[in-house]
């Protein structure tokens, strides 16, 4: 049940992500949805399983599932949008120019000179693809840590306590 709830939250995040590509006004909504993904998932989970035990460790485990689902749920629409923009719409020229400027700034700021083979590698399409994949991996790890912490916090808030007399 927790996986279904996390997949639902990730699917909504993916749809919002695709919408934010065309409508930048949706960017705050996707950020808020991602940050509160663990809370939303635990709310859905407890609505469907009201008698399930909930504490910080259960919330953290569900948060890990949410983080993984969010990473996959954001990677798939962004990859599809990137492929469509690159090969169907041919609209990635600005993005390539930004990457070229970033790489040139790094090369110019370097204290040691780059060998010609390294310069050739930096300007290759494979290096750009690897750079983008590395950046997404860093974001995925950040999402995983953030959702785990959010899940633990939400589990702590939703924990049932015995009434004291």
N, C-alpha and C. Protein backbone atom coordinates (compact mmCIF):
# COMPACT_ATOMS: atom_id res chain seq x y z
N UNK A 1 0.82 -1.20 0.00
CA UNK A 1 0.00 0.00 0.00
C UNK A 1 0.87 1.26 0.00
N UNK A 2 1.97 1.20 0.74
CA UNK A 2 2.86 2.37 0.80
C UNK A 2 3.49 2.64 -0.57
N UNK A 3 3.80 1.58 -1.30
CA UNK A 3 4.38 1.76 -2.64
C UNK A 3 3.36 2.39 -3.58
N UNK A 4 2.10 1.98 -3.48
CA UNK A 4 1.06 2.57 -4.32
C UNK A 4 0.87 4.05 -4.00
N UNK A 5 0.87 4.37 -2.73
CA UNK A 5 0.72 5.78 -2.33
C UNK A 5 1.91 6.61 -2.81
N UNK A 6 3.12 6.07 -2.66
CA UNK A 6 4.31 6.78 -3.11
C UNK A 6 4.32 6.94 -4.62
N UNK A 7 3.87 5.92 -5.35
CA UNK A 7 3.82 6.01 -6.81
C UNK A 7 2.80 7.05 -7.25
N UNK A 8 1.70 7.17 -6.53
CA UNK A 8 0.70 8.19 -6.85
C UNK A 8 1.28 9.58 -6.67
N UNK A 9 1.98 9.80 -5.56
CA UNK A 9 2.60 11.10 -5.29
C UNK A 9 3.66 11.39 -6.35
N UNK A 10 4.44 10.39 -6.74
CA UNK A 10 5.47 10.58 -7.77
C UNK A 10 4.85 10.86 -9.13
N UNK A 11 3.73 10.24 -9.44
CA UNK A 11 3.06 10.49 -10.72
C UNK A 11 2.56 11.93 -10.79
N UNK A 12 2.01 12.42 -9.71
CA UNK A 12 1.57 13.82 -9.69
C UNK A 12 2.77 14.75 -9.83
N UNK A 13 3.88 14.41 -9.18
CA UNK A 13 5.09 15.22 -9.31
C UNK A 13 5.60 15.22 -10.75
N UNK A 14 5.53 14.09 -11.42
CA UNK A 14 5.96 14.02 -12.81
C UNK A 14 5.08 14.87 -13.72
N UNK A 15 3.77 14.83 -13.50
CA UNK A 15 2.85 15.64 -14.31
C UNK A 15 3.11 17.12 -14.05
N UNK A 16 3.30 17.49 -12.79
CA UNK A 16 3.62 18.88 -12.47
C UNK A 16 4.94 19.31 -13.10
N UNK A 17 5.91 18.39 -13.12
CA UNK A 17 7.21 18.68 -13.71
C UNK A 17 7.08 18.97 -15.20
N UNK A 18 6.29 18.15 -15.90
CA UNK A 18 6.06 18.39 -17.32
C UNK A 18 5.30 19.70 -17.53
N UNK A 19 4.37 19.99 -16.65
CA UNK A 19 3.64 21.25 -16.75
C UNK A 19 4.53 22.45 -16.48
N UNK A 20 5.49 22.29 -15.57
CA UNK A 20 6.39 23.39 -15.23
C UNK A 20 7.35 23.71 -16.37
N UNK A 21 7.58 22.76 -17.27
CA UNK A 21 8.43 23.03 -18.42
C UNK A 21 7.77 24.06 -19.32
N UNK A 22 6.47 23.93 -19.54
CA UNK A 22 5.73 24.86 -20.40
C UNK A 22 5.22 26.08 -19.65
N UNK A 23 4.85 25.91 -18.40
CA UNK A 23 4.32 27.01 -17.59
C UNK A 23 5.21 27.21 -16.36
N UNK A 24 6.16 28.12 -16.42
CA UNK A 24 7.08 28.31 -15.28
C UNK A 24 6.38 28.72 -13.98
N UNK A 25 5.14 29.17 -14.07
CA UNK A 25 4.41 29.54 -12.86
C UNK A 25 4.14 28.32 -11.98
N UNK A 26 4.23 27.11 -12.55
CA UNK A 26 4.03 25.88 -11.78
C UNK A 26 5.27 25.43 -11.01
N UNK A 27 6.40 26.09 -11.21
CA UNK A 27 7.64 25.68 -10.54
C UNK A 27 7.51 25.69 -9.01
N UNK A 28 6.91 26.73 -8.40
CA UNK A 28 6.74 26.66 -6.94
C UNK A 28 5.84 25.50 -6.49
N UNK A 29 4.84 25.18 -7.31
CA UNK A 29 3.94 24.08 -6.95
C UNK A 29 4.68 22.75 -6.93
N UNK A 30 5.55 22.53 -7.92
CA UNK A 30 6.28 21.26 -7.93
C UNK A 30 7.27 21.20 -6.79
N UNK A 31 7.91 22.32 -6.48
CA UNK A 31 8.85 22.34 -5.36
C UNK A 31 8.12 22.03 -4.06
N UNK A 32 6.98 22.65 -3.85
CA UNK A 32 6.19 22.39 -2.65
C UNK A 32 5.72 20.93 -2.60
N UNK A 33 5.31 20.39 -3.75
CA UNK A 33 4.85 19.00 -3.80
C UNK A 33 5.98 18.04 -3.46
N UNK A 34 7.17 18.30 -4.00
CA UNK A 34 8.31 17.42 -3.73
C UNK A 34 8.71 17.49 -2.26
N UNK A 35 8.74 18.71 -1.72
CA UNK A 35 9.14 18.86 -0.32
C UNK A 35 8.14 18.21 0.64
N UNK A 36 6.88 18.21 0.27
CA UNK A 36 5.87 17.62 1.16
C UNK A 36 5.44 16.23 0.70
N UNK A 37 6.19 15.61 -0.21
CA UNK A 37 5.82 14.30 -0.73
C UNK A 37 5.70 13.22 0.33
N UNK A 38 6.62 13.20 1.29
CA UNK A 38 6.54 12.18 2.35
C UNK A 38 5.33 12.40 3.24
N UNK A 39 5.04 13.65 3.56
CA UNK A 39 3.87 13.94 4.38
C UNK A 39 2.58 13.53 3.68
N UNK A 40 2.50 13.84 2.39
CA UNK A 40 1.31 13.48 1.62
C UNK A 40 1.17 11.96 1.53
N UNK A 41 2.28 11.28 1.29
CA UNK A 41 2.23 9.82 1.17
C UNK A 41 1.81 9.17 2.49
N UNK A 42 2.37 9.65 3.61
CA UNK A 42 1.97 9.08 4.89
C UNK A 42 0.50 9.37 5.20
N UNK A 43 0.01 10.53 4.79
CA UNK A 43 -1.41 10.83 4.96
C UNK A 43 -2.28 9.88 4.15
N UNK A 44 -1.90 9.65 2.89
CA UNK A 44 -2.64 8.69 2.06
C UNK A 44 -2.58 7.29 2.65
N UNK A 45 -1.38 6.91 3.12
CA UNK A 45 -1.18 5.57 3.68
C UNK A 45 -2.05 5.36 4.92
N UNK A 46 -2.06 6.34 5.80
CA UNK A 46 -2.86 6.17 7.01
C UNK A 46 -4.35 6.28 6.74
N UNK A 47 -4.73 6.95 5.68
CA UNK A 47 -6.15 6.99 5.31
C UNK A 47 -6.60 5.61 4.84
N UNK A 48 -5.74 4.93 4.10
CA UNK A 48 -6.09 3.61 3.57
C UNK A 48 -5.84 2.50 4.58
N UNK A 49 -4.91 2.68 5.48
CA UNK A 49 -4.60 1.71 6.53
C UNK A 49 -4.62 2.41 7.90
N UNK A 50 -5.80 2.72 8.41
CA UNK A 50 -5.87 3.51 9.64
C UNK A 50 -5.32 2.79 10.88
N UNK A 51 -5.30 1.47 10.86
CA UNK A 51 -4.84 0.74 12.05
C UNK A 51 -3.36 0.37 11.96
N UNK A 52 -2.68 0.75 10.90
CA UNK A 52 -1.26 0.41 10.74
C UNK A 52 -0.43 1.20 11.75
N UNK A 53 0.58 0.53 12.28
CA UNK A 53 1.46 1.17 13.25
C UNK A 53 2.30 2.24 12.55
N UNK A 54 2.47 3.39 13.23
CA UNK A 54 3.24 4.47 12.63
C UNK A 54 4.15 5.06 13.70
N UNK A 55 5.41 5.14 13.36
CA UNK A 55 6.39 5.85 14.19
C UNK A 55 7.46 6.41 13.26
N UNK A 56 8.52 6.94 13.84
CA UNK A 56 9.55 7.59 13.03
C UNK A 56 10.26 6.60 12.11
N UNK A 57 10.50 5.36 12.56
CA UNK A 57 11.21 4.41 11.70
C UNK A 57 10.34 3.94 10.54
N UNK A 58 9.06 3.72 10.78
CA UNK A 58 8.16 3.35 9.69
C UNK A 58 8.04 4.52 8.71
N UNK A 59 7.93 5.73 9.24
CA UNK A 59 7.86 6.91 8.39
C UNK A 59 9.12 7.09 7.56
N UNK A 60 10.29 6.80 8.14
CA UNK A 60 11.54 6.92 7.39
C UNK A 60 11.60 5.88 6.28
N UNK A 61 11.13 4.67 6.55
CA UNK A 61 11.14 3.64 5.51
C UNK A 61 10.19 4.00 4.37
N UNK A 62 9.04 4.52 4.71
CA UNK A 62 8.12 4.97 3.66
C UNK A 62 8.73 6.17 2.94
N UNK A 63 9.46 7.02 3.66
CA UNK A 63 10.14 8.16 3.04
C UNK A 63 11.18 7.73 2.03
N UNK A 64 11.88 6.63 2.30
CA UNK A 64 12.85 6.09 1.33
C UNK A 64 12.13 5.66 0.06
N UNK A 65 10.99 5.00 0.22
CA UNK A 65 10.21 4.58 -0.95
C UNK A 65 9.73 5.80 -1.73
N UNK A 66 9.30 6.83 -1.00
CA UNK A 66 8.85 8.05 -1.66
C UNK A 66 10.00 8.70 -2.43
N UNK A 67 11.19 8.75 -1.82
CA UNK A 67 12.35 9.33 -2.49
C UNK A 67 12.71 8.59 -3.76
N UNK A 68 12.70 7.27 -3.70
CA UNK A 68 12.99 6.48 -4.91
C UNK A 68 11.92 6.69 -5.98
N UNK A 69 10.67 6.68 -5.58
CA UNK A 69 9.58 6.90 -6.55
C UNK A 69 9.64 8.31 -7.14
N UNK A 70 9.96 9.30 -6.32
CA UNK A 70 10.08 10.66 -6.83
C UNK A 70 11.24 10.78 -7.82
N UNK A 71 12.37 10.15 -7.50
CA UNK A 71 13.52 10.22 -8.40
C UNK A 71 13.16 9.60 -9.75
N UNK A 72 12.52 8.44 -9.73
CA UNK A 72 12.12 7.79 -10.99
C UNK A 72 10.99 8.57 -11.65
N UNK A 73 10.05 9.05 -10.84
CA UNK A 73 8.91 9.79 -11.37
C UNK A 73 9.28 11.13 -11.97
N UNK A 74 10.40 11.69 -11.57
CA UNK A 74 10.88 12.93 -12.19
C UNK A 74 11.85 12.65 -13.33
N UNK A 75 12.58 11.55 -13.24
CA UNK A 75 13.57 11.23 -14.28
C UNK A 75 12.89 10.87 -15.60
N UNK A 76 11.86 10.09 -15.54
CA UNK A 76 11.21 9.63 -16.77
C UNK A 76 10.62 10.80 -17.57
N UNK A 77 9.79 11.67 -16.96
CA UNK A 77 9.25 12.77 -17.77
C UNK A 77 10.33 13.75 -18.24
N UNK A 78 11.34 14.00 -17.43
CA UNK A 78 12.40 14.91 -17.84
C UNK A 78 13.22 14.31 -18.98
N UNK A 79 13.47 13.01 -18.93
CA UNK A 79 14.21 12.35 -20.02
C UNK A 79 13.40 12.37 -21.31
N UNK A 80 12.12 12.07 -21.22
CA UNK A 80 11.27 12.10 -22.40
C UNK A 80 11.19 13.51 -22.97
N UNK A 81 11.03 14.50 -22.09
CA UNK A 81 10.97 15.89 -22.55
C UNK A 81 12.29 16.31 -23.19
N UNK A 82 13.41 15.86 -22.63
CA UNK A 82 14.71 16.18 -23.20
C UNK A 82 14.91 15.56 -24.58
N UNK A 83 14.50 14.31 -24.72
CA UNK A 83 14.63 13.64 -26.01
C UNK A 83 13.74 14.30 -27.05
N UNK A 84 12.51 14.62 -26.67
CA UNK A 84 11.60 15.29 -27.61
C UNK A 84 12.14 16.66 -27.98
N UNK A 85 12.64 17.42 -26.99
CA UNK A 85 13.18 18.75 -27.27
C UNK A 85 14.42 18.67 -28.14
N UNK A 86 15.25 17.67 -27.93
CA UNK A 86 16.50 17.56 -28.69
C UNK A 86 16.25 17.08 -30.12
N UNK A 87 15.49 16.00 -30.27
CA UNK A 87 15.41 15.36 -31.57
C UNK A 87 14.15 15.70 -32.37
N UNK A 88 13.06 16.05 -31.72
CA UNK A 88 11.84 16.37 -32.46
C UNK A 88 11.68 17.88 -32.66
N UNK A 89 11.90 18.64 -31.60
CA UNK A 89 11.70 20.08 -31.68
C UNK A 89 12.97 20.86 -32.02
N UNK A 90 14.12 20.22 -31.84
CA UNK A 90 15.42 20.85 -32.10
C UNK A 90 15.54 22.18 -31.34
N UNK A 91 15.20 22.15 -30.05
CA UNK A 91 15.19 23.37 -29.26
C UNK A 91 16.16 23.33 -28.07
N UNK A 92 17.23 22.57 -28.18
CA UNK A 92 18.18 22.47 -27.07
C UNK A 92 19.44 23.31 -27.31
N UNK A 93 19.43 24.18 -28.32
CA UNK A 93 20.60 24.99 -28.63
C UNK A 93 20.99 25.91 -27.48
N UNK A 94 20.02 26.53 -26.84
CA UNK A 94 20.30 27.41 -25.71
C UNK A 94 20.89 26.66 -24.54
N UNK A 95 20.38 25.46 -24.30
CA UNK A 95 20.91 24.64 -23.21
C UNK A 95 22.36 24.23 -23.49
N UNK A 96 22.63 23.85 -24.74
CA UNK A 96 24.00 23.48 -25.11
C UNK A 96 24.94 24.68 -24.97
N UNK A 97 24.46 25.86 -25.33
CA UNK A 97 25.29 27.06 -25.21
C UNK A 97 25.58 27.37 -23.74
N UNK A 98 24.61 27.18 -22.87
CA UNK A 98 24.83 27.40 -21.43
C UNK A 98 25.87 26.43 -20.89
N UNK A 99 25.77 25.16 -21.28
CA UNK A 99 26.76 24.18 -20.83
C UNK A 99 28.14 24.53 -21.35
N UNK A 100 28.24 24.98 -22.60
CA UNK A 100 29.53 25.34 -23.16
C UNK A 100 30.14 26.51 -22.39
N UNK A 101 29.33 27.48 -22.01
CA UNK A 101 29.83 28.62 -21.23
C UNK A 101 30.32 28.16 -19.86
N UNK A 102 29.57 27.29 -19.23
CA UNK A 102 29.98 26.77 -17.91
C UNK A 102 31.30 26.03 -18.01
N UNK A 103 31.43 25.16 -19.00
CA UNK A 103 32.67 24.39 -19.16
C UNK A 103 33.85 25.30 -19.49
N UNK A 104 33.63 26.32 -20.30
CA UNK A 104 34.71 27.26 -20.62
C UNK A 104 35.15 28.04 -19.39
N UNK A 105 34.20 28.42 -18.54
CA UNK A 105 34.56 29.13 -17.31
C UNK A 105 35.39 28.23 -16.40
N UNK A 106 35.03 26.97 -16.31
CA UNK A 106 35.80 26.04 -15.47
C UNK A 106 37.20 25.87 -16.03
N UNK A 107 37.32 25.77 -17.34
CA UNK A 107 38.64 25.62 -17.97
C UNK A 107 39.49 26.86 -17.74
N UNK A 108 38.89 28.04 -17.86
CA UNK A 108 39.64 29.28 -17.68
C UNK A 108 40.06 29.49 -16.24
N UNK A 109 39.26 29.06 -15.29
CA UNK A 109 39.57 29.24 -13.86
C UNK A 109 40.57 28.21 -13.35
N UNK A 110 40.82 27.19 -14.13
CA UNK A 110 41.73 26.13 -13.70
C UNK A 110 43.16 26.67 -13.60
N UNK A 111 43.86 26.26 -12.56
CA UNK A 111 45.25 26.72 -12.37
C UNK A 111 46.23 25.88 -13.17
N UNK A 112 45.86 24.67 -13.50
CA UNK A 112 46.72 23.81 -14.32
C UNK A 112 46.15 23.74 -15.73
N UNK A 113 46.99 23.75 -16.74
CA UNK A 113 46.46 23.68 -18.10
C UNK A 113 45.89 22.29 -18.41
N UNK A 114 44.84 22.29 -19.20
CA UNK A 114 44.20 21.05 -19.60
C UNK A 114 44.95 20.47 -20.80
N UNK A 115 45.23 19.17 -20.80
CA UNK A 115 45.82 18.56 -21.99
C UNK A 115 44.81 18.58 -23.15
N UNK A 116 45.29 18.55 -24.38
CA UNK A 116 44.36 18.60 -25.53
C UNK A 116 43.32 17.47 -25.53
N UNK A 117 43.72 16.28 -25.04
CA UNK A 117 42.76 15.17 -25.01
C UNK A 117 41.61 15.48 -24.04
N UNK A 118 41.95 16.11 -22.91
CA UNK A 118 40.91 16.46 -21.93
C UNK A 118 40.00 17.54 -22.48
N UNK A 119 40.55 18.51 -23.19
CA UNK A 119 39.72 19.55 -23.80
C UNK A 119 38.76 18.96 -24.83
N UNK A 120 39.27 18.00 -25.59
CA UNK A 120 38.43 17.35 -26.59
C UNK A 120 37.31 16.57 -25.90
N UNK A 121 37.61 15.94 -24.78
CA UNK A 121 36.60 15.20 -24.03
C UNK A 121 35.55 16.14 -23.45
N UNK A 122 35.99 17.27 -22.89
CA UNK A 122 35.06 18.21 -22.28
C UNK A 122 34.07 18.76 -23.30
N UNK A 123 34.48 18.92 -24.53
CA UNK A 123 33.61 19.47 -25.56
C UNK A 123 32.79 18.41 -26.29
N UNK A 124 32.87 17.16 -25.85
CA UNK A 124 32.13 16.09 -26.53
C UNK A 124 30.70 15.97 -25.98
N UNK A 125 29.83 15.40 -26.79
CA UNK A 125 28.44 15.17 -26.38
C UNK A 125 28.35 14.15 -25.25
N UNK A 126 29.26 13.19 -25.23
CA UNK A 126 29.25 12.17 -24.19
C UNK A 126 29.53 12.79 -22.83
N UNK A 127 30.45 13.75 -22.79
CA UNK A 127 30.77 14.42 -21.53
C UNK A 127 29.56 15.21 -21.04
N UNK A 128 28.88 15.88 -21.95
CA UNK A 128 27.68 16.64 -21.57
C UNK A 128 26.61 15.71 -21.01
N UNK A 129 26.42 14.57 -21.67
CA UNK A 129 25.42 13.61 -21.18
C UNK A 129 25.81 13.08 -19.81
N UNK A 130 27.09 12.76 -19.63
CA UNK A 130 27.56 12.29 -18.33
C UNK A 130 27.40 13.35 -17.25
N UNK A 131 27.65 14.60 -17.61
CA UNK A 131 27.50 15.71 -16.66
C UNK A 131 26.04 15.83 -16.23
N UNK A 132 25.12 15.75 -17.17
CA UNK A 132 23.70 15.85 -16.85
C UNK A 132 23.26 14.66 -15.98
N UNK A 133 23.73 13.47 -16.31
CA UNK A 133 23.39 12.30 -15.49
C UNK A 133 23.95 12.42 -14.08
N UNK A 134 25.17 12.94 -13.96
CA UNK A 134 25.76 13.14 -12.64
C UNK A 134 24.95 14.16 -11.84
N UNK A 135 24.56 15.25 -12.48
CA UNK A 135 23.75 16.26 -11.79
C UNK A 135 22.42 15.66 -11.33
N UNK A 136 21.80 14.84 -12.17
CA UNK A 136 20.55 14.24 -11.76
C UNK A 136 20.77 13.23 -10.62
N UNK A 137 21.88 12.53 -10.63
CA UNK A 137 22.17 11.59 -9.54
C UNK A 137 22.32 12.34 -8.22
N UNK A 138 22.96 13.49 -8.25
CA UNK A 138 23.10 14.30 -7.03
C UNK A 138 21.72 14.75 -6.55
N UNK A 139 20.87 15.19 -7.47
CA UNK A 139 19.52 15.61 -7.10
C UNK A 139 18.73 14.42 -6.55
N UNK A 140 18.90 13.24 -7.13
CA UNK A 140 18.19 12.05 -6.65
C UNK A 140 18.62 11.68 -5.23
N UNK A 141 19.91 11.77 -4.95
CA UNK A 141 20.39 11.49 -3.59
C UNK A 141 19.83 12.52 -2.62
N UNK A 142 19.81 13.79 -3.03
CA UNK A 142 19.24 14.83 -2.19
C UNK A 142 17.76 14.56 -1.93
N UNK A 143 17.01 14.17 -2.97
CA UNK A 143 15.60 13.82 -2.80
C UNK A 143 15.42 12.65 -1.83
N UNK A 144 16.29 11.67 -1.95
CA UNK A 144 16.20 10.49 -1.08
C UNK A 144 16.43 10.88 0.38
N UNK A 145 17.44 11.67 0.63
CA UNK A 145 17.73 12.10 2.01
C UNK A 145 16.61 12.98 2.54
N UNK A 146 16.15 13.92 1.72
CA UNK A 146 15.09 14.82 2.14
C UNK A 146 13.79 14.08 2.42
N UNK A 147 13.42 13.15 1.57
CA UNK A 147 12.18 12.42 1.79
C UNK A 147 12.28 11.45 2.96
N UNK A 148 13.47 10.90 3.19
CA UNK A 148 13.64 10.04 4.36
C UNK A 148 13.48 10.83 5.65
N UNK A 149 14.10 11.99 5.70
CA UNK A 149 13.97 12.85 6.88
C UNK A 149 12.53 13.33 7.04
N UNK A 150 11.91 13.70 5.92
CA UNK A 150 10.51 14.12 5.97
C UNK A 150 9.58 13.00 6.40
N UNK A 151 9.86 11.79 5.94
CA UNK A 151 9.05 10.64 6.35
C UNK A 151 9.21 10.33 7.83
N UNK A 152 10.44 10.43 8.34
CA UNK A 152 10.66 10.20 9.77
C UNK A 152 9.92 11.24 10.60
N UNK A 153 9.99 12.50 10.15
CA UNK A 153 9.30 13.57 10.85
C UNK A 153 7.79 13.37 10.81
N UNK A 154 7.27 13.03 9.64
CA UNK A 154 5.83 12.80 9.50
C UNK A 154 5.38 11.59 10.31
N UNK A 155 6.21 10.55 10.33
CA UNK A 155 5.88 9.38 11.14
C UNK A 155 5.87 9.71 12.62
N UNK A 156 6.78 10.56 13.04
CA UNK A 156 6.81 11.00 14.44
C UNK A 156 5.57 11.82 14.78
N UNK A 157 5.14 12.66 13.85
CA UNK A 157 3.93 13.46 14.09
C UNK A 157 2.67 12.62 14.10
N UNK A 158 2.64 11.56 13.29
CA UNK A 158 1.45 10.73 13.17
C UNK A 158 1.44 9.55 14.15
N UNK A 159 2.46 9.45 14.99
CA UNK A 159 2.55 8.32 15.93
C UNK A 159 1.43 8.43 16.97
N UNK A 160 0.83 7.29 17.25
CA UNK A 160 -0.22 7.24 18.28
C UNK A 160 0.43 7.14 19.66
N UNK A 161 -0.03 7.96 20.53
CA UNK A 161 0.47 7.93 21.90
C UNK A 161 -0.66 7.49 22.82
N UNK A 162 -0.28 6.77 23.87
CA UNK A 162 -1.30 6.33 24.83
C UNK A 162 -1.68 7.52 25.71
N UNK A 163 -2.94 7.58 26.03
CA UNK A 163 -3.43 8.67 26.87
C UNK A 163 -2.92 8.48 28.30
N UNK A 164 -2.43 9.55 28.88
CA UNK A 164 -1.97 9.50 30.27
C UNK A 164 -3.10 9.95 31.18
N UNK A 165 -3.24 9.27 32.33
CA UNK A 165 -4.33 9.57 33.25
C UNK A 165 -3.83 10.36 34.40
